[in-house]
Amino acid sequence: MIYAYIDLGLYAVNGTFVFTFDVDENGKVINLEVLPKVKNSDMFIEDMQFAIKKVRKKWKPAVRNGKPVLSQKIISINFTSDHFDHGD
């Protein structure tokens, strides 16, 4: 579903990318990081934040002792696009 919310033509994204982010006590995504870094990575991260929120507006927070707590999620996504970075 993430493919529907980002323009892969803007990035050289081919291969597996690891997305790490925190889910706060209210179920909001914060502190998104993407590895490896790509050309236009700031724009790519902004688009991925938008896409993750569109795919799931509110995440279920982790619970400790019956109370919601901050937790970290790690997701690997394999991207294949028709656009390649030729070192422009």
Protein backbone atom coordinates (compact mmCIF):
# COMPACT_ATOMS: atom_id res chain seq x y z
CA MET A 1 0.00 0.00 0.00
CA ILE A 2 2.93 2.34 0.54
CA TYR A 3 3.64 2.43 -3.21
CA ALA A 4 0.33 4.27 -3.74
CA TYR A 5 1.50 7.24 -1.63
CA ILE A 6 5.02 7.90 -2.92
CA ASP A 7 6.49 8.83 -6.31
CA LEU A 8 9.28 6.33 -6.89
CA GLY A 9 10.38 8.29 -9.96
CA LEU A 10 11.91 10.95 -7.69
CA TYR A 11 14.30 8.58 -5.93
CA ALA A 12 16.89 5.94 -6.69
CA VAL A 13 15.23 3.34 -4.51
CA ASN A 14 16.04 -0.20 -5.47
CA GLY A 15 16.60 -2.90 -2.92
CA THR A 16 15.73 -3.43 0.70
CA PHE A 17 15.26 -0.41 2.95
CA VAL A 18 14.92 -0.51 6.71
CA PHE A 19 12.49 1.89 8.36
CA THR A 20 12.77 2.45 12.08
CA PHE A 21 10.30 4.59 13.96
CA ASP A 22 8.78 5.02 17.37
CA VAL A 23 5.13 4.65 18.22
CA ASP A 24 4.29 6.96 21.11
CA GLU A 25 1.80 6.34 23.89
CA ASN A 26 -1.00 7.81 21.73
CA GLY A 27 -0.25 5.61 18.71
CA LYS A 28 1.47 8.35 16.67
CA VAL A 29 4.54 7.65 14.52
CA ILE A 30 7.60 9.73 15.46
CA ASN A 31 11.37 9.67 14.75
CA LEU A 32 11.25 7.92 11.36
CA GLU A 33 14.66 6.93 9.98
CA VAL A 34 15.40 5.24 6.67
CA LEU A 35 18.52 3.22 5.83
CA PRO A 36 20.37 3.17 3.55
CA LYS A 37 20.35 6.86 2.66
CA VAL A 38 19.39 7.72 -0.92
CA LYS A 39 19.56 10.72 -3.23
CA ASN A 40 16.83 13.17 -2.13
CA SER A 41 16.63 11.25 1.16
CA ASP A 42 15.00 14.15 3.04
CA MET A 43 12.15 14.19 0.53
CA PHE A 44 11.98 10.39 0.59
CA ILE A 45 11.70 10.36 4.40
CA GLU A 46 8.95 13.03 4.30
CA ASP A 47 7.04 11.01 1.71
CA MET A 48 7.46 7.83 3.77
CA GLN A 49 6.16 9.59 6.90
CA PHE A 50 3.10 10.63 4.91
CA ALA A 51 2.66 7.12 3.49
CA ILE A 52 3.01 5.38 6.87
CA LYS A 53 0.38 7.69 8.36
CA LYS A 54 -1.96 7.08 5.40
CA VAL A 55 -1.56 3.31 5.59
CA ARG A 56 -2.31 3.33 9.30
CA LYS A 57 -3.35 6.63 10.88
CA LYS A 58 -3.03 5.34 14.41
CA TRP A 59 -0.77 2.51 15.52
CA LYS A 60 -1.43 0.39 18.56
CA PRO A 61 1.09 1.40 21.22
CA ALA A 62 2.97 -1.17 23.26
CA VAL A 63 1.64 -1.78 26.75
CA ARG A 64 3.62 -2.23 29.97
CA ASN A 65 1.89 -2.87 33.28
CA GLY A 66 -1.44 -2.06 31.65
CA LYS A 67 -0.31 1.38 30.40
CA PRO A 68 0.64 2.42 26.85
CA VAL A 69 4.37 3.10 26.40
CA LEU A 70 6.73 4.34 23.70
CA SER A 71 8.05 1.53 21.50
CA GLN A 72 10.25 1.14 18.43
CA LYS A 73 9.17 -0.58 15.22
CA ILE A 74 11.47 -1.85 12.49
CA ILE A 75 10.09 -2.63 9.03
CA SER A 76 12.02 -3.83 5.98
CA ILE A 77 10.55 -3.01 2.56
CA ASN A 78 11.94 -4.14 -0.78
CA PHE A 79 11.58 -1.38 -3.39
CA THR A 80 12.02 -1.77 -7.13
CA SER A 81 11.65 1.27 -9.37
CA ASP A 82 12.36 2.08 -12.99
CA HIS A 83 14.49 5.05 -11.92
CA PHE A 84 18.19 4.60 -11.25
CA ASP A 85 20.73 7.00 -9.79
CA HIS A 86 23.43 7.48 -12.43
CA GLY A 87 25.48 9.80 -10.25
CA ASP A 88 23.85 13.03 -11.46
